[in-house]
Amino acid sequence: MLNTLSGRFLILTTVFVMLAEVLIFVPSVARFREDYLLLRLERAQIAALSLLADDMISPDLEQELLKTAGVFNVVLRRDAVRQLMLSSELPGQVSETFDLRDPGALVLIRDALRTLFSSDETVIRVVGKPVQQAGELIEVTMEEAPLRRAMLDYGFNILILSAVISVITAFLLFLSVRIFLMKPIKGVVRHIQTYAKAPEDARTIITPKAGIRELREAEQALQSMQQELTQALRQRERLAQLGEGVAKVSHDLRNILTTAQLFTDRMEGSDDPMVQRLAPKLVGSINRAVNLCETTLAFGRATEPPPRLGRFNLADLVGDVIEAERLAAAEVPLSFSEDVPAPMVVRADAEQLHRVLMNLVRNARQAIAATGKAGEICVHAEEDDTAWWLFVRDTGPGLPPRAKDFLFRPFQGGTRKGGAGLGLVIAAELVRGHGGRLELRKSDAEGTEFAIYLPKSEVLTKELAEE
């Protein structure tokens, strides 16, 4: 029960009601004490007035009057004369005097607490105003023990009553929460569980019915989310079927184009001038088509493994990439530079990072070579306390607008004629596997710059180790 919302609500309600009753308890006991003392003053005044009616009363009657009033002595001041009206022997010295003529609330509470927590058998003096203007002042002496016992009985009764009220109130609130709150929430949970079993079935989508505004808003939000998710699942299923069909078509088309490629290779040896002029263009077109089919198939099958993180020298890896691209650009007026601190060590998958850098540098080389002009490619690296940063800059013509808009979307962000636009998609995916990101810093007529961010933090590793 303690693990349920309604059960905890029941306990909290009981505790809070009890706390409220405790806060009311202190002033209530103080008021009870004041009323108790005022009642003793009234009884003492009545006893004193009986003496005024008859100047001579027997000692037994006097003691009976004092016992009825619950006091030892009665002093009444009338017409500026202070007179001992009734008296008996005191069991001890008067320890304290309490004035009830005009007491403040804090004074009453203070005196009540003192009386409540005192254990001494003391005699107290109480001063007050006579009722019905029967004098200027009335003063009595009395034992404090009966007052304390009466206050304890009253306080105990209040606590019992408070506990009963708290339990009843909490139980009623518990039922209200179960009926008006928990029942609709459980209904929403059942809808979620039913939807999870068959998200493609539109019948499992929740229909908002709650009368409580907050719950209805939650149901409406859930309905909107379920509708969007169902639509996304249907679209995903269609795309998966379409992708499977495209893969089959690409496979068959590749076989057909491979055969055509064999025939075009033979056509290049023809002596016909027209054939010699058109054959290279035909060969280039077929090669691009074959490359597109192979790239599409590779992307459809690709399931990149998680990176195997290790520490290695970054300068050596960048040097390998630059050397390979320098050989590929032997006939292009292109220069390469690398600005990587020799002692820099990074934590990454060396093979995957090599593929990312190779992709970026190759794209830059091909972009500059397409212009037929001289250019430069630079790989720069730096680090701070939280991450390693790698930058690939070139002086090429920059990316076309469409390539910028669809840079990391497959089959849409290609920058070369005949390209499938998958290189940067795969590179970005590899970098995300390291917890980093690949981003385009700039691309204009002066060149293009890509940045690779690799975090140094090992938060996930530490959390797994702690578990």
Protein backbone atom coordinates (compact mmCIF):
# COMPACT_ATOMS: atom_id res chain seq x y z
CA MET A 1 0.00 0.00 0.00
CA LEU A 2 2.89 2.37 0.74
CA ASN A 3 4.08 1.96 -2.84
CA THR A 4 0.81 3.27 -4.27
CA LEU A 5 -0.02 6.90 -4.83
CA SER A 6 -3.34 6.64 -2.98
CA GLY A 7 -1.70 4.87 -0.01
CA ARG A 8 0.94 7.56 0.36
CA PHE A 9 -1.76 10.20 0.00
CA LEU A 10 -3.68 8.55 2.85
CA ILE A 11 -0.64 8.60 5.15
CA LEU A 12 0.31 12.17 4.27
CA THR A 13 -3.26 13.36 4.84
CA THR A 14 -3.33 11.72 8.27
CA VAL A 15 0.01 13.26 9.20
CA PHE A 16 -0.96 16.75 8.00
CA VAL A 17 -4.33 16.69 9.76
CA MET A 18 -2.64 15.56 12.97
CA LEU A 19 -0.08 18.33 12.58
CA ALA A 20 -2.89 20.87 12.14
CA GLU A 21 -4.61 19.52 15.24
CA VAL A 22 -1.39 19.79 17.24
CA LEU A 23 -1.05 23.41 16.17
CA ILE A 24 -4.63 23.98 17.36
CA PHE A 25 -4.01 21.97 20.57
CA VAL A 26 -1.82 24.54 22.35
CA PRO A 27 -4.17 27.55 22.08
CA SER A 28 -7.12 25.27 22.86
CA VAL A 29 -5.52 24.10 26.11
CA ALA A 30 -4.63 27.71 26.97
CA ARG A 31 -8.25 28.74 26.43
CA PHE A 32 -9.44 25.79 28.55
CA ARG A 33 -7.12 26.85 31.38
CA GLU A 34 -8.43 30.42 31.25
CA ASP A 35 -12.04 29.24 31.32
CA TYR A 36 -11.24 26.90 34.22
CA LEU A 37 -9.74 29.74 36.29
CA LEU A 38 -12.52 32.17 35.41
CA LEU A 39 -15.07 29.59 36.52
CA ARG A 40 -13.27 29.33 39.88
CA LEU A 41 -13.39 33.11 40.21
CA GLU A 42 -17.13 33.15 39.47
CA ARG A 43 -17.81 30.45 42.04
CA ALA A 44 -15.69 32.28 44.59
CA GLN A 45 -17.60 35.49 43.87
CA ILE A 46 -20.92 33.74 44.43
CA ALA A 47 -19.65 32.33 47.71
CA ALA A 48 -18.48 35.82 48.76
CA LEU A 49 -21.84 37.35 47.88
CA SER A 50 -23.59 34.83 50.11
CA LEU A 51 -21.46 36.12 52.96
CA LEU A 52 -22.46 39.70 52.12
CA ALA A 53 -26.07 38.64 52.35
CA ASP A 54 -25.51 37.20 55.81
CA ASP A 55 -22.60 38.61 57.84
CA MET A 56 -22.53 35.62 60.15
CA ILE A 57 -22.15 32.12 58.67
CA SER A 58 -20.96 29.05 60.44
CA PRO A 59 -17.39 27.77 59.91
CA ASP A 60 -18.76 24.58 58.39
CA LEU A 61 -20.77 26.51 55.85
CA GLU A 62 -17.75 28.67 55.04
CA GLN A 63 -15.62 25.57 54.37
CA GLU A 64 -18.39 24.10 52.27
CA LEU A 65 -18.57 27.28 50.20
CA LEU A 66 -14.77 27.26 49.67
CA LYS A 67 -14.81 23.58 48.75
CA THR A 68 -17.62 24.13 46.28
CA ALA A 69 -15.70 27.01 44.70
CA GLY A 70 -12.48 24.92 44.69
CA VAL A 71 -10.39 27.62 46.41
CA PHE A 72 -8.73 28.31 49.76
CA ASN A 73 -9.28 32.06 50.16
CA VAL A 74 -11.46 34.69 48.53
CA VAL A 75 -10.51 38.37 48.56
CA LEU A 76 -12.95 40.93 47.15
CA ARG A 77 -12.23 44.60 46.65
CA ARG A 78 -15.30 46.83 46.66
CA ASP A 79 -15.44 50.57 46.96
CA ALA A 80 -11.63 50.76 47.14
CA VAL A 81 -11.66 48.45 50.19
CA ARG A 82 -9.85 45.09 49.99
CA GLN A 83 -11.60 42.52 52.18
CA LEU A 84 -10.89 38.86 52.94
CA MET A 85 -14.31 37.34 52.44
CA LEU A 86 -13.66 33.60 52.94
CA SER A 87 -10.55 31.88 54.15
CA SER A 88 -9.11 28.53 55.15
CA GLU A 89 -5.69 27.18 55.99
CA LEU A 90 -3.25 27.09 53.04
CA PRO A 91 -1.32 23.83 52.48
CA GLY A 92 1.77 25.83 51.52
CA GLN A 93 3.16 29.12 50.30
CA VAL A 94 1.72 30.81 47.25
CA SER A 95 4.26 30.11 44.47
CA GLU A 96 2.91 32.27 41.67
CA THR A 97 0.22 34.82 40.82
CA PHE A 98 -1.77 34.88 37.58
CA ASP A 99 -3.66 37.99 36.50
CA LEU A 100 -6.66 37.28 34.25
CA ARG A 101 -7.96 40.82 34.01
CA ASP A 102 -6.44 41.53 30.58
CA PRO A 103 -4.14 38.70 29.53
CA GLY A 104 -2.54 38.48 26.07
CA ALA A 105 -2.71 35.36 23.91
CA LEU A 106 1.02 34.67 24.21
CA VAL A 107 0.85 35.09 27.98
CA LEU A 108 -2.04 32.60 28.22
CA ILE A 109 -0.16 30.06 26.06
CA ARG A 110 3.03 30.51 28.09
CA ASP A 111 1.23 30.04 31.40
CA ALA A 112 -0.70 27.03 30.07
CA LEU A 113 2.49 25.29 28.97
CA ARG A 114 4.13 26.02 32.31
CA THR A 115 1.16 24.54 34.15
CA LEU A 116 0.94 21.54 31.82
CA PHE A 117 4.58 20.50 32.16
CA SER A 118 5.00 21.35 35.86
CA SER A 119 4.94 18.51 38.37
CA ASP A 120 5.08 20.48 41.63
CA GLU A 121 2.15 20.46 44.09
CA THR A 122 1.92 24.25 44.38
CA VAL A 123 -0.58 26.88 45.51
CA ILE A 124 -1.28 29.71 43.07
CA ARG A 125 -3.05 33.06 43.35
CA VAL A 126 -5.52 34.06 40.61
CA VAL A 127 -6.66 37.65 40.15
CA GLY A 128 -9.62 38.66 37.99
CA LYS A 129 -12.55 41.01 37.52
CA PRO A 130 -15.82 40.26 39.31
CA VAL A 131 -18.77 39.56 37.04
CA GLN A 132 -21.75 41.89 36.80
CA GLN A 133 -19.52 44.72 38.13
CA ALA A 134 -19.84 43.34 41.64
CA GLY A 135 -16.55 44.87 42.64
CA GLU A 136 -13.22 46.11 41.41
CA LEU A 137 -11.17 42.97 41.91
CA ILE A 138 -11.52 39.41 43.06
CA GLU A 139 -8.60 37.26 44.18
CA VAL A 140 -8.50 33.58 45.10
CA THR A 141 -5.84 31.04 46.11
CA MET A 142 -6.10 27.46 44.93
CA GLU A 143 -4.17 24.27 44.25
CA GLU A 144 -2.61 23.92 40.81
CA ALA A 145 -2.73 20.09 40.70
CA PRO A 146 -6.49 19.82 39.92
CA LEU A 147 -6.05 22.39 37.16
CA ARG A 148 -3.19 20.36 35.66
CA ARG A 149 -5.21 17.13 35.78
CA ALA A 150 -8.17 18.82 34.10
CA MET A 151 -5.88 20.22 31.40
CA LEU A 152 -4.33 16.78 30.77
CA ASP A 153 -7.75 15.15 30.50
CA TYR A 154 -8.92 17.86 28.13
CA GLY A 155 -5.74 17.58 26.02
CA PHE A 156 -6.00 13.79 25.85
CA ASN A 157 -9.60 14.03 24.68
CA ILE A 158 -8.59 16.55 22.02
CA LEU A 159 -5.82 14.27 20.77
CA ILE A 160 -8.14 11.27 20.58
CA LEU A 161 -10.75 13.33 18.76
CA SER A 162 -8.07 14.69 16.42
CA ALA A 163 -6.85 11.20 15.62
CA VAL A 164 -10.37 10.04 14.84
CA ILE A 165 -11.02 13.09 12.65
CA SER A 166 -7.67 12.57 10.88
CA VAL A 167 -8.38 8.93 10.10
CA ILE A 168 -11.90 9.64 8.88
CA THR A 169 -10.77 12.61 6.79
CA ALA A 170 -7.83 10.69 5.34
CA PHE A 171 -10.04 7.70 4.51
CA LEU A 172 -12.59 9.89 2.75
CA LEU A 173 -9.82 11.61 0.79
CA PHE A 174 -8.32 8.20 0.03
CA LEU A 175 -11.61 7.05 -1.48
CA SER A 176 -11.92 10.30 -3.41
CA VAL A 177 -8.43 9.93 -4.85
CA ARG A 178 -9.10 6.30 -5.77
CA ILE A 179 -12.34 7.18 -7.52
CA PHE A 180 -11.61 10.53 -9.14
CA LEU A 181 -7.86 10.29 -9.78
CA MET A 182 -6.41 6.79 -9.59
CA LYS A 183 -9.17 5.13 -11.62
CA PRO A 184 -8.68 7.46 -14.64
CA ILE A 185 -4.88 7.10 -14.34
CA LYS A 186 -5.16 3.30 -14.35
CA GLY A 187 -7.39 3.61 -17.40
CA VAL A 188 -4.66 5.59 -19.19
CA VAL A 189 -2.08 2.97 -18.17
CA ARG A 190 -4.29 0.19 -19.57
CA HIS A 191 -4.59 2.11 -22.84
CA ILE A 192 -0.79 2.44 -23.02
CA GLN A 193 -0.31 -1.27 -22.35
CA THR A 194 -2.91 -2.21 -24.96
CA TYR A 195 -1.36 0.16 -27.50
CA ALA A 196 2.12 -1.25 -26.84
CA LYS A 197 0.91 -4.73 -27.83
CA ALA A 198 -0.39 -3.57 -31.23
CA PRO A 199 0.81 -0.03 -32.11
CA GLU A 200 -0.19 -0.46 -35.76
CA ASP A 201 -3.86 -1.01 -34.80
CA ALA A 202 -5.66 2.33 -34.80
CA ARG A 203 -8.33 0.91 -32.50
CA THR A 204 -5.86 0.89 -29.60
CA ILE A 205 -5.38 4.67 -29.77
CA ILE A 206 -6.84 6.31 -26.67
CA THR A 207 -9.97 8.45 -26.88
CA PRO A 208 -9.93 11.33 -24.33
CA LYS A 209 -12.80 10.93 -21.88
CA ALA A 210 -11.54 12.21 -18.52
CA GLY A 211 -13.62 14.89 -16.83
CA ILE A 212 -10.63 16.30 -14.95
CA ARG A 213 -8.95 18.94 -17.07
CA GLU A 214 -5.37 17.89 -16.32
CA LEU A 215 -6.07 14.22 -17.05
CA ARG A 216 -7.91 15.11 -20.22
CA GLU A 217 -4.93 17.16 -21.39
CA ALA A 218 -2.69 14.18 -20.67
CA GLU A 219 -5.02 11.88 -22.65
CA GLN A 220 -5.05 14.33 -25.55
CA ALA A 221 -1.26 14.52 -25.55
CA LEU A 222 -1.07 10.70 -25.43
CA GLN A 223 -3.57 10.42 -28.29
CA SER A 224 -1.53 12.81 -30.43
CA MET A 225 1.68 10.92 -29.70
CA GLN A 226 0.07 7.55 -30.48
CA GLN A 227 -1.33 8.83 -33.77
CA GLU A 228 2.06 10.20 -34.84
CA LEU A 229 3.81 7.00 -33.75
CA THR A 230 1.34 4.78 -35.59
CA GLN A 231 1.78 6.85 -38.73
CA ALA A 232 5.57 6.73 -38.34
CA LEU A 233 5.51 2.95 -37.91
CA ARG A 234 3.42 2.55 -41.03
CA GLN A 235 5.76 4.82 -42.96
CA ARG A 236 8.75 2.94 -41.64
CA GLU A 237 7.26 -0.37 -42.72
CA ARG A 238 6.61 1.03 -46.20
CA LEU A 239 10.15 2.41 -46.39
CA ALA A 240 11.55 -0.94 -45.30
CA GLN A 241 9.57 -2.68 -48.02
CA LEU A 242 10.63 -0.04 -50.52
CA GLY A 243 14.25 -0.39 -49.43
CA GLU A 244 14.10 -4.13 -49.86
CA GLY A 245 12.68 -3.67 -53.34
CA VAL A 246 15.33 -1.10 -54.25
CA ALA A 247 18.06 -3.44 -53.04
CA LYS A 248 16.74 -6.23 -55.25
CA VAL A 249 16.48 -3.90 -58.22
CA SER A 250 19.98 -2.54 -57.58
CA HIS A 251 21.37 -6.06 -57.37
CA ASP A 252 19.83 -7.10 -60.68
CA LEU A 253 20.68 -3.78 -62.29
CA ARG A 254 24.28 -4.11 -61.21
CA ASN A 255 24.53 -7.49 -62.89
CA ILE A 256 23.05 -6.06 -66.09
CA LEU A 257 25.38 -3.07 -66.02
CA THR A 258 28.38 -5.28 -65.38
CA THR A 259 27.61 -7.16 -68.56
CA ALA A 260 27.19 -3.87 -70.43
CA GLN A 261 30.51 -2.75 -69.00
CA LEU A 262 32.24 -5.76 -70.59
CA PHE A 263 30.81 -4.85 -73.99
CA THR A 264 31.89 -1.21 -73.70
CA ASP A 265 35.42 -2.31 -72.86
CA ARG A 266 35.52 -4.11 -76.23
CA MET A 267 33.99 -1.13 -78.01
CA GLU A 268 36.90 1.05 -76.95
CA GLY A 269 39.13 -0.97 -79.38
CA SER A 270 36.93 -0.13 -82.36
CA ASP A 271 38.42 1.89 -85.25
CA ASP A 272 35.16 3.72 -85.89
CA PRO A 273 35.73 7.43 -85.06
CA MET A 274 32.17 7.82 -83.78
CA VAL A 275 32.60 4.82 -81.49
CA GLN A 276 35.95 6.11 -80.27
CA ARG A 277 34.37 9.47 -79.44
CA LEU A 278 31.26 8.11 -77.66
CA ALA A 279 32.70 5.02 -75.99
CA PRO A 280 34.54 6.86 -73.15
CA LYS A 281 31.38 8.74 -72.25
CA LEU A 282 29.37 5.52 -72.30
CA VAL A 283 31.98 3.78 -70.16
CA GLY A 284 31.93 6.63 -67.65
CA SER A 285 28.15 6.59 -67.43
CA ILE A 286 28.03 2.83 -66.91
CA ASN A 287 30.80 3.01 -64.27
CA ARG A 288 28.89 5.64 -62.36
CA ALA A 289 25.72 3.54 -62.52
CA VAL A 290 27.56 0.46 -61.28
CA ASN A 291 29.12 2.49 -58.46
CA LEU A 292 25.72 3.84 -57.46
CA CYS A 293 24.25 0.33 -57.31
CA GLU A 294 27.17 -0.99 -55.25
CA THR A 295 27.04 1.95 -52.86
CA THR A 296 23.28 1.55 -52.38
CA LEU A 297 23.66 -2.15 -51.62
CA ALA A 298 26.50 -1.49 -49.21
CA PHE A 299 24.51 1.15 -47.36
CA GLY A 300 21.48 -1.14 -47.09
CA ARG A 301 23.60 -3.93 -45.60
CA ALA A 302 25.76 -1.72 -43.41
CA THR A 303 25.52 -2.33 -39.70
CA GLU A 304 28.47 -0.52 -38.25
CA PRO A 305 29.88 -2.25 -35.17
CA PRO A 306 30.34 -0.19 -32.01
CA PRO A 307 33.74 1.49 -31.85
CA ARG A 308 36.54 -0.38 -30.12
CA LEU A 309 38.04 2.48 -28.14
CA GLY A 310 41.77 2.62 -27.67
CA ARG A 311 44.50 5.21 -27.31
CA PHE A 312 46.83 5.96 -30.23
CA ASN A 313 48.92 8.75 -31.68
CA LEU A 314 46.79 11.00 -33.85
CA ALA A 315 49.69 12.41 -35.90
CA ASP A 316 50.55 8.96 -37.26
CA LEU A 317 46.95 8.30 -38.34
CA VAL A 318 46.63 11.71 -40.04
CA GLY A 319 49.97 11.11 -41.75
CA ASP A 320 48.69 7.85 -43.24
CA VAL A 321 45.58 9.57 -44.59
CA ILE A 322 47.52 12.48 -46.08
CA GLU A 323 50.09 10.17 -47.68
CA ALA A 324 47.41 8.05 -49.36
CA GLU A 325 45.59 11.10 -50.73
CA ARG A 326 48.83 12.72 -51.83
CA LEU A 327 49.52 9.68 -54.03
CA ALA A 328 45.99 9.80 -55.45
CA ALA A 329 46.44 13.49 -56.34
CA ALA A 330 49.83 13.11 -57.98
CA GLU A 331 48.62 14.71 -61.23
CA VAL A 332 46.69 17.54 -59.53
CA PRO A 333 48.33 20.84 -58.42
CA LEU A 334 47.28 20.19 -54.85
CA SER A 335 49.23 20.62 -51.60
CA PHE A 336 48.58 18.95 -48.25
CA SER A 337 49.47 20.14 -44.78
CA GLU A 338 48.95 18.72 -41.33
CA ASP A 339 48.98 20.63 -38.06
CA VAL A 340 48.74 17.94 -35.41
CA PRO A 341 50.82 18.07 -32.22
CA ALA A 342 53.25 15.14 -32.29
CA PRO A 343 52.51 13.93 -28.73
CA MET A 344 48.72 14.16 -29.05
CA VAL A 345 47.03 10.87 -28.11
CA VAL A 346 43.29 10.37 -28.64
CA ARG A 347 40.88 7.72 -27.40
CA ALA A 348 38.88 6.37 -30.33
CA ASP A 349 38.54 3.50 -32.79
CA ALA A 350 41.57 4.00 -35.04
CA GLU A 351 40.04 2.21 -38.04
CA GLN A 352 36.76 4.14 -37.90
CA LEU A 353 38.48 7.50 -37.38
CA HIS A 354 40.75 6.70 -40.34
CA ARG A 355 37.64 6.12 -42.49
CA VAL A 356 36.12 9.43 -41.37
CA LEU A 357 39.25 11.47 -42.10
CA MET A 358 39.82 9.65 -45.40
CA ASN A 359 36.27 10.47 -46.48
CA LEU A 360 36.62 14.17 -45.64
CA VAL A 361 40.07 14.56 -47.24
CA ARG A 362 39.03 12.62 -50.37
CA ASN A 363 35.92 14.78 -50.79
CA ALA A 364 38.06 17.90 -50.50
CA ARG A 365 40.59 16.54 -53.03
CA GLN A 366 37.89 15.64 -55.55
CA ALA A 367 36.20 19.04 -55.14
CA ILE A 368 39.46 20.91 -55.84
CA ALA A 369 40.42 18.58 -58.71
CA ALA A 370 37.04 19.23 -60.39
CA THR A 371 37.93 22.94 -60.65
CA GLY A 372 41.24 22.23 -62.39
CA LYS A 373 42.91 24.85 -60.21
CA ALA A 374 45.58 24.60 -57.53
CA GLY A 375 44.42 24.19 -53.97
CA GLU A 376 45.35 23.20 -50.43
CA ILE A 377 43.99 20.78 -47.86
CA CYS A 378 44.90 21.10 -44.20
CA VAL A 379 44.18 18.77 -41.28
CA HIS A 380 44.43 20.53 -37.93
CA ALA A 381 43.94 19.11 -34.43
CA GLU A 382 43.73 20.59 -30.95
CA GLU A 383 42.44 19.59 -27.53
CA ASP A 384 41.15 21.05 -24.28
CA ASP A 385 40.13 19.61 -20.93
CA THR A 386 36.91 18.08 -22.26
CA ALA A 387 37.42 17.09 -25.91
CA TRP A 388 39.61 16.58 -28.95
CA TRP A 389 38.88 18.68 -32.05
CA LEU A 390 39.91 17.74 -35.60
CA PHE A 391 39.46 20.19 -38.49
CA VAL A 392 39.65 19.43 -42.22
CA ARG A 393 39.97 22.62 -44.29
CA ASP A 394 40.30 23.10 -48.04
CA THR A 395 40.46 25.96 -50.52
CA GLY A 396 37.94 24.40 -52.87
CA PRO A 397 34.84 25.97 -54.42
CA GLY A 398 32.58 25.20 -51.46
CA LEU A 399 29.48 23.08 -51.30
CA PRO A 400 26.48 23.74 -53.54
CA PRO A 401 23.33 24.97 -51.75
CA ARG A 402 21.47 21.66 -52.11
CA ALA A 403 24.40 19.76 -50.62
CA LYS A 404 24.38 22.09 -47.59
CA ASP A 405 20.65 21.59 -47.04
CA PHE A 406 20.83 17.77 -47.23
CA LEU A 407 24.41 17.26 -46.12
CA PHE A 408 23.91 14.31 -43.78
CA ARG A 409 20.86 12.75 -45.49
CA PRO A 410 21.44 9.65 -47.59
CA PHE A 411 21.04 9.88 -51.38
CA GLN A 412 20.37 13.64 -51.15
CA GLY A 413 23.59 15.31 -50.00
CA GLY A 414 25.91 14.18 -52.80
CA THR A 415 28.40 16.78 -54.01
CA ARG A 416 29.79 14.90 -57.02
CA LYS A 417 28.08 13.95 -60.21
CA GLY A 418 27.19 10.28 -59.95
CA GLY A 419 27.76 10.20 -56.20
CA ALA A 420 25.19 8.68 -53.85
CA GLY A 421 25.73 11.14 -51.00
CA LEU A 422 26.44 8.40 -48.47
CA GLY A 423 30.04 9.16 -47.50
CA LEU A 424 29.28 11.97 -45.09
CA VAL A 425 26.26 10.08 -43.72
CA ILE A 426 28.44 7.12 -42.79
CA ALA A 427 31.19 9.41 -41.43
CA ALA A 428 28.71 11.26 -39.21
CA GLU A 429 27.32 7.94 -37.97
CA LEU A 430 30.81 6.72 -37.04
CA VAL A 431 31.57 9.92 -35.13
CA ARG A 432 28.24 9.71 -33.25
CA GLY A 433 29.23 6.20 -32.20
CA HIS A 434 32.12 7.83 -30.30
CA GLY A 435 29.71 10.17 -28.51
CA GLY A 436 30.89 13.06 -30.71
CA ARG A 437 29.60 14.91 -33.73
CA LEU A 438 30.62 15.89 -37.25
CA GLU A 439 29.63 19.40 -38.25
CA LEU A 440 30.12 21.78 -41.14
CA ARG A 441 31.81 24.93 -39.86
CA LYS A 442 31.81 26.93 -43.09
CA SER A 443 31.54 26.50 -46.86
CA ASP A 444 31.84 29.39 -49.32
CA ALA A 445 33.88 30.50 -52.30
CA GLU A 446 37.04 30.53 -50.18
CA GLY A 447 36.75 26.90 -49.12
CA THR A 448 35.11 24.42 -46.80
CA GLU A 449 35.82 23.40 -43.21
CA PHE A 450 34.53 20.35 -41.34
CA ALA A 451 35.01 19.82 -37.59
CA ILE A 452 35.10 16.53 -35.69
CA TYR A 453 34.30 16.67 -31.98
CA LEU A 454 35.39 13.72 -29.80
CA PRO A 455 34.59 14.00 -26.06
CA LYS A 456 37.13 12.96 -23.46
CA SER A 457 34.57 12.09 -20.80
CA GLU A 458 34.11 8.48 -19.79
CA VAL A 459 30.79 8.98 -17.96
CA LEU A 460 29.13 5.92 -19.43
CA THR A 461 32.13 3.73 -18.65
CA LYS A 462 32.21 4.95 -15.05
CA GLU A 463 28.46 4.41 -14.59
CA LEU A 464 28.73 0.84 -15.87
CA ALA A 465 31.68 0.19 -13.59
CA GLU A 466 29.77 1.49 -10.56
CA GLU A 467 26.81 -0.75 -11.36
